[in-house]
Every structure is written in structure tokens, then in C-alpha cells.
Amino acid sequence: MGLNLRVLVSMLFFVQGASVAMAWLHHKGVGLLRYGLLALLLFVPFLSQLCLLLGMADMWLDVRTRFRR
């Protein structure tokens, strides 16, 4: 039960981190490269972990609002 919950929460943080990365790339004006980055985030384990940590940081520090300033 605990491992299943960890996998679920990790997946949710990954999705949140990927949305932060996509928002940052949109803010910078990057076009189709965003989808290539999303594919890299899915298939490269190290980048997936960084994305997960970015999702956790966004939850606590609200990183996306800093892009809008």
C-alpha cells in the first residue's frame, strides 16, 4: 500500500513539475521544442527526477508566479 501511494504521489509531482517546465518555456517563447523536452522528461530518468523535484518546489515556493513578474 505504501509503495503504491508513493508511486501515485510521485506521478502527480512529476506532472506538476512538467507543467512548470512548460510554463517556463512558454514564457521564454519556445515553440515546438516544448514537446521534445516533454519527451525527454518522460524517458530520461535523471530528468524525470529533476522534474519531480521541480514539482515539489512549485508546491512549496509557487515557482510559476515568479515567471509572470
N, C-alpha and C. Protein backbone atom coordinates (compact mmCIF):
# COMPACT_ATOMS: atom_id res chain seq x y z
N MET A 1 0.82 -1.19 0.00
CA MET A 1 0.00 0.00 0.00
C MET A 1 0.87 1.25 0.00
N GLY A 2 1.91 1.27 0.80
CA GLY A 2 2.76 2.45 0.89
C GLY A 2 3.50 2.73 -0.41
N LEU A 3 3.96 1.68 -1.08
CA LEU A 3 4.67 1.86 -2.34
C LEU A 3 3.73 2.37 -3.43
N ASN A 4 2.51 1.87 -3.45
CA ASN A 4 1.53 2.34 -4.43
C ASN A 4 1.23 3.82 -4.23
N LEU A 5 1.10 4.23 -3.00
CA LEU A 5 0.84 5.63 -2.70
C LEU A 5 2.03 6.50 -3.10
N ARG A 6 3.23 6.01 -2.88
CA ARG A 6 4.43 6.76 -3.27
C ARG A 6 4.50 6.94 -4.78
N VAL A 7 4.17 5.90 -5.53
CA VAL A 7 4.17 5.98 -6.98
C VAL A 7 3.13 7.00 -7.46
N LEU A 8 1.97 6.99 -6.86
CA LEU A 8 0.91 7.93 -7.23
C LEU A 8 1.32 9.37 -6.95
N VAL A 9 1.87 9.63 -5.77
CA VAL A 9 2.28 10.98 -5.41
C VAL A 9 3.45 11.43 -6.27
N SER A 10 4.38 10.54 -6.57
CA SER A 10 5.50 10.87 -7.45
C SER A 10 5.00 11.24 -8.84
N MET A 11 4.02 10.52 -9.34
CA MET A 11 3.47 10.82 -10.65
C MET A 11 2.80 12.20 -10.65
N LEU A 12 2.09 12.53 -9.59
CA LEU A 12 1.45 13.84 -9.50
C LEU A 12 2.47 14.97 -9.43
N PHE A 13 3.54 14.78 -8.66
CA PHE A 13 4.60 15.79 -8.60
C PHE A 13 5.31 15.91 -9.95
N PHE A 14 5.47 14.80 -10.66
CA PHE A 14 6.08 14.85 -11.98
C PHE A 14 5.24 15.68 -12.94
N VAL A 15 3.93 15.47 -12.91
CA VAL A 15 3.03 16.23 -13.79
C VAL A 15 3.09 17.71 -13.44
N GLN A 16 3.14 18.02 -12.16
CA GLN A 16 3.23 19.43 -11.75
C GLN A 16 4.57 20.03 -12.17
N GLY A 17 5.65 19.29 -12.04
CA GLY A 17 6.95 19.77 -12.48
C GLY A 17 7.01 19.96 -13.98
N ALA A 18 6.38 19.05 -14.73
CA ALA A 18 6.35 19.19 -16.19
C ALA A 18 5.55 20.42 -16.59
N SER A 19 4.49 20.72 -15.86
CA SER A 19 3.72 21.93 -16.18
C SER A 19 4.51 23.19 -15.86
N VAL A 20 5.34 23.15 -14.84
CA VAL A 20 6.21 24.29 -14.54
C VAL A 20 7.22 24.48 -15.67
N ALA A 21 7.81 23.38 -16.13
CA ALA A 21 8.77 23.47 -17.23
C ALA A 21 8.11 23.99 -18.49
N MET A 22 6.90 23.53 -18.79
CA MET A 22 6.18 24.01 -19.97
C MET A 22 5.82 25.49 -19.83
N ALA A 23 5.43 25.92 -18.64
CA ALA A 23 5.10 27.33 -18.43
C ALA A 23 6.34 28.21 -18.60
N TRP A 24 7.48 27.72 -18.12
CA TRP A 24 8.72 28.49 -18.28
C TRP A 24 9.12 28.59 -19.74
N LEU A 25 9.00 27.50 -20.48
CA LEU A 25 9.32 27.53 -21.91
C LEU A 25 8.34 28.40 -22.68
N HIS A 26 7.08 28.40 -22.28
CA HIS A 26 6.10 29.29 -22.91
C HIS A 26 6.43 30.75 -22.63
N HIS A 27 6.86 31.03 -21.41
CA HIS A 27 7.26 32.38 -21.02
C HIS A 27 8.46 32.86 -21.84
N LYS A 28 9.38 31.95 -22.14
CA LYS A 28 10.56 32.28 -22.93
C LYS A 28 10.28 32.33 -24.43
N GLY A 29 9.10 31.89 -24.86
CA GLY A 29 8.73 31.94 -26.26
C GLY A 29 9.23 30.77 -27.09
N VAL A 30 9.50 29.66 -26.45
CA VAL A 30 9.96 28.46 -27.16
C VAL A 30 8.73 27.77 -27.74
N GLY A 31 8.80 27.37 -29.00
CA GLY A 31 7.65 26.79 -29.68
C GLY A 31 7.58 25.28 -29.56
N LEU A 32 7.84 24.60 -30.66
CA LEU A 32 7.68 23.15 -30.72
C LEU A 32 8.72 22.39 -29.91
N LEU A 33 9.76 23.05 -29.49
CA LEU A 33 10.79 22.40 -28.68
C LEU A 33 10.22 21.92 -27.34
N ARG A 34 9.11 22.53 -26.92
CA ARG A 34 8.49 22.13 -25.66
C ARG A 34 8.10 20.67 -25.66
N TYR A 35 7.60 20.17 -26.79
CA TYR A 35 7.14 18.79 -26.85
C TYR A 35 8.32 17.81 -26.86
N GLY A 36 9.43 18.24 -27.46
CA GLY A 36 10.64 17.42 -27.41
C GLY A 36 11.17 17.33 -25.99
N LEU A 37 11.11 18.45 -25.27
CA LEU A 37 11.54 18.45 -23.87
C LEU A 37 10.64 17.56 -23.02
N LEU A 38 9.36 17.58 -23.30
CA LEU A 38 8.44 16.72 -22.55
C LEU A 38 8.77 15.25 -22.78
N ALA A 39 9.13 14.89 -24.01
CA ALA A 39 9.53 13.51 -24.30
C ALA A 39 10.80 13.16 -23.54
N LEU A 40 11.76 14.09 -23.49
CA LEU A 40 12.99 13.84 -22.72
C LEU A 40 12.69 13.66 -21.25
N LEU A 41 11.79 14.48 -20.72
CA LEU A 41 11.44 14.36 -19.31
C LEU A 41 10.82 13.00 -19.00
N LEU A 42 10.09 12.46 -19.94
CA LEU A 42 9.46 11.15 -19.72
C LEU A 42 10.43 10.00 -19.79
N PHE A 43 11.43 10.09 -20.69
CA PHE A 43 12.26 8.92 -20.98
C PHE A 43 13.66 8.95 -20.38
N VAL A 44 14.11 10.07 -19.83
CA VAL A 44 15.43 10.14 -19.21
C VAL A 44 15.22 10.16 -17.69
N PRO A 45 15.65 9.12 -16.99
CA PRO A 45 15.36 9.02 -15.55
C PRO A 45 15.88 10.19 -14.72
N PHE A 46 17.08 10.67 -15.03
CA PHE A 46 17.62 11.78 -14.25
C PHE A 46 16.77 13.03 -14.41
N LEU A 47 16.34 13.31 -15.64
CA LEU A 47 15.48 14.47 -15.89
C LEU A 47 14.10 14.30 -15.26
N SER A 48 13.63 13.06 -15.21
CA SER A 48 12.35 12.79 -14.55
C SER A 48 12.42 13.12 -13.06
N GLN A 49 13.54 12.77 -12.44
CA GLN A 49 13.70 13.08 -11.02
C GLN A 49 13.81 14.59 -10.79
N LEU A 50 14.51 15.28 -11.68
CA LEU A 50 14.59 16.74 -11.56
C LEU A 50 13.21 17.38 -11.74
N CYS A 51 12.44 16.83 -12.65
CA CYS A 51 11.09 17.33 -12.86
C CYS A 51 10.22 17.09 -11.63
N LEU A 52 10.39 15.95 -11.00
CA LEU A 52 9.65 15.64 -9.79
C LEU A 52 10.02 16.63 -8.68
N LEU A 53 11.30 16.93 -8.54
CA LEU A 53 11.74 17.90 -7.54
C LEU A 53 11.23 19.30 -7.85
N LEU A 54 11.17 19.64 -9.12
CA LEU A 54 10.63 20.93 -9.53
C LEU A 54 9.15 21.03 -9.16
N GLY A 55 8.43 19.94 -9.31
CA GLY A 55 7.02 19.91 -8.91
C GLY A 55 6.86 20.09 -7.41
N MET A 56 7.74 19.49 -6.63
CA MET A 56 7.69 19.69 -5.18
C MET A 56 8.02 21.12 -4.82
N ALA A 57 9.02 21.68 -5.47
CA ALA A 57 9.39 23.08 -5.20
C ALA A 57 8.27 24.03 -5.59
N ASP A 58 7.56 23.72 -6.66
CA ASP A 58 6.45 24.58 -7.07
C ASP A 58 5.33 24.55 -6.05
N MET A 59 5.13 23.41 -5.45
CA MET A 59 4.08 23.31 -4.44
C MET A 59 4.40 24.18 -3.22
N TRP A 60 5.66 24.21 -2.83
CA TRP A 60 6.03 24.96 -1.63
C TRP A 60 6.37 26.41 -1.92
N LEU A 61 7.04 26.67 -3.04
CA LEU A 61 7.56 28.01 -3.31
C LEU A 61 6.77 28.77 -4.37
N ASP A 62 5.81 28.15 -5.01
CA ASP A 62 4.99 28.74 -6.06
C ASP A 62 5.88 29.37 -7.15
N VAL A 63 6.64 28.53 -7.81
CA VAL A 63 7.64 28.94 -8.78
C VAL A 63 7.01 29.61 -9.99
N ARG A 64 5.85 29.14 -10.44
CA ARG A 64 5.26 29.65 -11.67
C ARG A 64 4.88 31.12 -11.59
N THR A 65 4.53 31.62 -10.42
CA THR A 65 4.17 33.03 -10.32
C THR A 65 5.40 33.92 -10.48
N ARG A 66 6.58 33.40 -10.25
CA ARG A 66 7.80 34.18 -10.44
C ARG A 66 8.10 34.42 -11.91
N PHE A 67 7.55 33.59 -12.80
CA PHE A 67 7.75 33.80 -14.23
C PHE A 67 6.95 34.99 -14.72
N ARG A 68 5.85 35.28 -14.09
CA ARG A 68 4.94 36.32 -14.57
C ARG A 68 5.40 37.72 -14.23
N ARG A 69 6.35 37.86 -13.35
CA ARG A 69 6.82 39.21 -12.98
C ARG A 69 7.63 39.85 -14.04
